C-alpha atoms as a PDB file:
ATOM      1  CA  UNK A   1     102.041  87.890 110.384  1.00  0.00           C
ATOM      2  CA  UNK A   2     101.992  86.799 114.097  1.00  0.00           C
ATOM      3  CA  UNK A   3     105.602  88.028 114.486  1.00  0.00           C
ATOM      4  CA  UNK A   4     104.792  91.489 112.885  1.00  0.00           C
ATOM      5  CA  UNK A   5     101.798  91.853 115.392  1.00  0.00           C
ATOM      6  CA  UNK A   6     104.350  91.075 118.148  1.00  0.00           C
ATOM      7  CA  UNK A   7     106.688  93.663 116.808  1.00  0.00           C
ATOM      8  CA  UNK A   8     103.932  96.324 116.688  1.00  0.00           C
ATOM      9  CA  UNK A   9     102.773  95.543 120.156  1.00  0.00           C
ATOM     10  CA  UNK A  10     106.412  95.440 121.380  1.00  0.00           C
ATOM     11  CA  UNK A  11     107.076  99.043 119.727  1.00  0.00           C
ATOM     12  CA  UNK A  12     103.968 100.311 121.413  1.00  0.00           C
ATOM     13  CA  UNK A  13     104.861  98.841 124.833  1.00  0.00           C
ATOM     14  CA  UNK A  14     108.497  99.854 124.872  1.00  0.00           C
ATOM     15  CA  UNK A  15     109.200 101.926 127.919  1.00  0.00           C
ATOM     16  CA  UNK A  16     111.884 104.465 127.698  1.00  0.00           C
ATOM     17  CA  UNK A  17     111.639 105.426 131.248  1.00  0.00           C
ATOM     18  CA  UNK A  18     113.015 103.083 133.728  1.00  0.00           C
ATOM     19  CA  UNK A  19     110.501 101.693 136.109  1.00  0.00           C
ATOM     20  CA  UNK A  20     110.668 102.954 139.576  1.00  0.00           C
ATOM     21  CA  UNK A  21     111.003 100.734 142.530  1.00  0.00           C
ATOM     22  CA  UNK A  22     107.626  99.286 143.422  1.00  0.00           C
ATOM     23  CA  UNK A  23     106.072  99.138 146.937  1.00  0.00           C
ATOM     24  CA  UNK A  24     105.678  95.354 146.507  1.00  0.00           C
ATOM     25  CA  UNK A  25     108.771  93.274 146.291  1.00  0.00           C
ATOM     26  CA  UNK A  26     108.727  90.549 143.606  1.00  0.00           C
ATOM     27  CA  UNK A  27     110.739  87.503 144.238  1.00  0.00           C
ATOM     28  CA  UNK A  28     112.384  86.529 140.919  1.00  0.00           C
ATOM     29  CA  UNK A  29     113.794  83.064 140.443  1.00  0.00           C
ATOM     30  CA  UNK A  30     115.762  81.487 137.638  1.00  0.00           C
ATOM     31  CA  UNK A  31     113.555  79.341 135.355  1.00  0.00           C
ATOM     32  CA  UNK A  32     113.882  77.778 131.727  1.00  0.00           C
ATOM     33  CA  UNK A  33     113.765  80.105 128.736  1.00  0.00           C
ATOM     34  CA  UNK A  34     111.195  77.925 127.154  1.00  0.00           C
ATOM     35  CA  UNK A  35     108.295  75.947 128.787  1.00  0.00           C
ATOM     36  CA  UNK A  36     108.094  73.029 126.593  1.00  0.00           C
ATOM     37  CA  UNK A  37     104.688  71.888 125.702  1.00  0.00           C
ATOM     38  CA  UNK A  38     103.108  70.088 122.739  1.00  0.00           C
ATOM     39  CA  UNK A  39     102.126  73.572 121.549  1.00  0.00           C
ATOM     40  CA  UNK A  40     105.380  75.336 121.931  1.00  0.00           C
ATOM     41  CA  UNK A  41     106.627  76.423 118.526  1.00  0.00           C
ATOM     42  CA  UNK A  42     110.196  76.079 117.366  1.00  0.00           C
ATOM     43  CA  UNK A  43     112.186  79.262 117.686  1.00  0.00           C
ATOM     44  CA  UNK A  44     113.399  80.758 114.488  1.00  0.00           C
ATOM     45  CA  UNK A  45     116.281  82.446 116.077  1.00  0.00           C
ATOM     46  CA  UNK A  46     119.273  81.043 118.050  1.00  0.00           C
ATOM     47  CA  UNK A  47     117.688  82.202 121.279  1.00  0.00           C
ATOM     48  CA  UNK A  48     119.424  84.030 124.145  1.00  0.00           C
ATOM     49  CA  UNK A  49     121.697  81.299 125.492  1.00  0.00           C
ATOM     50  CA  UNK A  50     123.683  83.867 127.572  1.00  0.00           C
ATOM     51  CA  UNK A  51     121.130  84.388 130.199  1.00  0.00           C
ATOM     52  CA  UNK A  52     118.297  82.307 131.928  1.00  0.00           C
ATOM     53  CA  UNK A  53     114.792  83.647 132.113  1.00  0.00           C
ATOM     54  CA  UNK A  54     113.475  84.618 135.499  1.00  0.00           C
ATOM     55  CA  UNK A  55     109.960  83.814 136.787  1.00  0.00           C
ATOM     56  CA  UNK A  56     107.762  85.376 139.475  1.00  0.00           C
ATOM     57  CA  UNK A  57     104.267  85.218 140.759  1.00  0.00           C
ATOM     58  CA  UNK A  58     102.967  88.686 141.521  1.00  0.00           C
ATOM     59  CA  UNK A  59      99.956  89.331 143.914  1.00  0.00           C
ATOM     60  CA  UNK A  60      98.018  91.923 142.042  1.00  0.00           C
ATOM     61  CA  UNK A  61      95.054  93.661 143.427  1.00  0.00           C
ATOM     62  CA  UNK A  62      91.616  92.086 142.342  1.00  0.00           C
ATOM     63  CA  UNK A  63      90.185  95.486 142.124  1.00  0.00           C
ATOM     64  CA  UNK A  64      91.864  99.002 142.093  1.00  0.00           C
ATOM     65  CA  UNK A  65      90.516 101.866 144.268  1.00  0.00           C
ATOM     66  CA  UNK A  66      87.896 103.843 142.382  1.00  0.00           C
ATOM     67  CA  UNK A  67      87.503 101.131 139.640  1.00  0.00           C
ATOM     68  CA  UNK A  68      85.686  98.356 141.584  1.00  0.00           C
ATOM     69  CA  UNK A  69      85.391  96.896 145.121  1.00  0.00           C
ATOM     70  CA  UNK A  70      86.315  93.360 146.186  1.00  0.00           C
ATOM     71  CA  UNK A  71      83.528  91.698 148.260  1.00  0.00           C
ATOM     72  CA  UNK A  72      84.614  91.001 151.835  1.00  0.00           C
ATOM     73  CA  UNK A  73      84.299  87.203 151.334  1.00  0.00           C
ATOM     74  CA  UNK A  74      86.719  87.094 148.373  1.00  0.00           C
ATOM     75  CA  UNK A  75      90.459  87.267 148.478  1.00  0.00           C
ATOM     76  CA  UNK A  76      91.458  90.828 147.460  1.00  0.00           C
ATOM     77  CA  UNK A  77      94.477  89.835 145.400  1.00  0.00           C
ATOM     78  CA  UNK A  78      95.155  87.328 142.598  1.00  0.00           C
ATOM     79  CA  UNK A  79      98.352  85.569 141.585  1.00  0.00           C
ATOM     80  CA  UNK A  80      99.784  86.656 138.207  1.00  0.00           C
ATOM     81  CA  UNK A  81     102.673  84.774 136.537  1.00  0.00           C
ATOM     82  CA  UNK A  82     105.340  86.890 134.907  1.00  0.00           C
ATOM     83  CA  UNK A  83     108.469  85.723 132.977  1.00  0.00           C
ATOM     84  CA  UNK A  84     111.180  88.013 132.054  1.00  0.00           C
ATOM     85  CA  UNK A  85     114.216  87.765 129.954  1.00  0.00           C
ATOM     86  CA  UNK A  86     116.803  90.272 131.251  1.00  0.00           C
ATOM     87  CA  UNK A  87     118.731  92.422 128.856  1.00  0.00           C
ATOM     88  CA  UNK A  88     121.991  90.768 127.921  1.00  0.00           C
ATOM     89  CA  UNK A  89     123.662  93.995 126.897  1.00  0.00           C
ATOM     90  CA  UNK A  90     124.070  96.768 129.449  1.00  0.00           C
ATOM     91  CA  UNK A  91     122.493  96.893 132.804  1.00  0.00           C
ATOM     92  CA  UNK A  92     119.040  95.087 132.962  1.00  0.00           C
ATOM     93  CA  UNK A  93     118.051  97.379 135.887  1.00  0.00           C
ATOM     94  CA  UNK A  94     118.222 100.481 133.647  1.00  0.00           C
ATOM     95  CA  UNK A  95     117.276  98.767 130.346  1.00  0.00           C
ATOM     96  CA  UNK A  96     113.999  99.677 128.679  1.00  0.00           C
ATOM     97  CA  UNK A  97     111.198  97.123 129.053  1.00  0.00           C
ATOM     98  CA  UNK A  98     109.118  95.393 126.465  1.00  0.00           C
ATOM     99  CA  UNK A  99     105.835  93.563 127.447  1.00  0.00           C
ATOM    100  CA  UNK A 100     104.515  90.955 125.066  1.00  0.00           C
ATOM    101  CA  UNK A 101     100.946  90.053 125.583  1.00  0.00           C
ATOM    102  CA  UNK A 102      99.055  87.112 124.099  1.00  0.00           C
ATOM    103  CA  UNK A 103      95.964  88.109 122.264  1.00  0.00           C
ATOM    104  CA  UNK A 104      93.880  85.138 123.644  1.00  0.00           C
ATOM    105  CA  UNK A 105      91.230  84.600 124.522  1.00  0.00           C
ATOM    106  CA  UNK A 106      92.281  82.076 127.115  1.00  0.00           C
ATOM    107  CA  UNK A 107      95.755  81.453 125.840  1.00  0.00           C
ATOM    108  CA  UNK A 108      98.774  81.474 128.260  1.00  0.00           C
ATOM    109  CA  UNK A 109     102.107  83.100 127.637  1.00  0.00           C
ATOM    110  CA  UNK A 110     103.807  79.871 126.791  1.00  0.00           C
ATOM    111  CA  UNK A 111     103.294  80.480 123.054  1.00  0.00           C
ATOM    112  CA  UNK A 112     105.054  84.010 123.349  1.00  0.00           C
ATOM    113  CA  UNK A 113     108.313  82.673 124.748  1.00  0.00           C
ATOM    114  CA  UNK A 114     109.977  81.985 121.499  1.00  0.00           C
ATOM    115  CA  UNK A 115     108.846  85.334 120.193  1.00  0.00           C
ATOM    116  CA  UNK A 116     110.246  87.117 123.290  1.00  0.00           C
ATOM    117  CA  UNK A 117     113.613  85.299 122.779  1.00  0.00           C
ATOM    118  CA  UNK A 118     113.697  86.156 118.999  1.00  0.00           C
ATOM    119  CA  UNK A 119     112.707  89.775 119.530  1.00  0.00           C
ATOM    120  CA  UNK A 120     115.161  90.217 122.272  1.00  0.00           C
ATOM    121  CA  UNK A 121     117.908  88.978 119.847  1.00  0.00           C
ATOM    122  CA  UNK A 122     116.674  91.194 117.116  1.00  0.00           C
ATOM    123  CA  UNK A 123     116.798  94.241 119.446  1.00  0.00           C
ATOM    124  CA  UNK A 124     120.407  93.463 120.268  1.00  0.00           C
ATOM    125  CA  UNK A 125     119.892  92.279 123.709  1.00  0.00           C
ATOM    126  CA  UNK A 126     119.423  95.790 125.083  1.00  0.00           C
ATOM    127  CA  UNK A 127     115.908  95.325 126.252  1.00  0.00           C
ATOM    128  CA  UNK A 128     114.246  93.375 129.027  1.00  0.00           C
ATOM    129  CA  UNK A 129     111.471  91.210 127.611  1.00  0.00           C
ATOM    130  CA  UNK A 130     108.388  90.396 129.672  1.00  0.00           C
ATOM    131  CA  UNK A 131     105.505  88.024 129.127  1.00  0.00           C
ATOM    132  CA  UNK A 132     102.574  87.536 131.332  1.00  0.00           C
ATOM    133  CA  UNK A 133      99.803  84.967 131.770  1.00  0.00           C
ATOM    134  CA  UNK A 134      96.406  86.683 131.736  1.00  0.00           C
ATOM    135  CA  UNK A 135      94.074  85.939 134.669  1.00  0.00           C
ATOM    136  CA  UNK A 136      92.496  82.597 134.344  1.00  0.00           C
ATOM    137  CA  UNK A 137      95.146  81.141 131.976  1.00  0.00           C
ATOM    138  CA  UNK A 138      98.260  79.211 132.116  1.00  0.00           C
ATOM    139  CA  UNK A 139     100.139  79.564 135.447  1.00  0.00           C
ATOM    140  CA  UNK A 140      97.980  82.570 136.700  1.00  0.00           C
END
């Protein structure tokens, strides 16, 4: 059932438009496909052994203009951990993106890693897969 929810979310989140370059540069670094913990489920697929995952910490605004205002005594940004599995077919820079979000509450993206690997495999490796730790969870 959880896998089908991930498929549904992935179908909704698929972006057919390539993301334009951001004003903020994100420094991606190679990292393991799986973050091994006692709660990491065993992947049902063979996994994407052709490519490493890439990890980054993005400094996101705490508040966006017109939505809220950050008090002056508080850091105006928060660090958000993101892991991506680049497309293994075609060019990852032009491949569509799928974002998988943990339903929570309070759960990091570690449990989504096997799902991201399996889903990328089922989609033929032609999509970039992203997972993100919600604010206050995991590595964020």
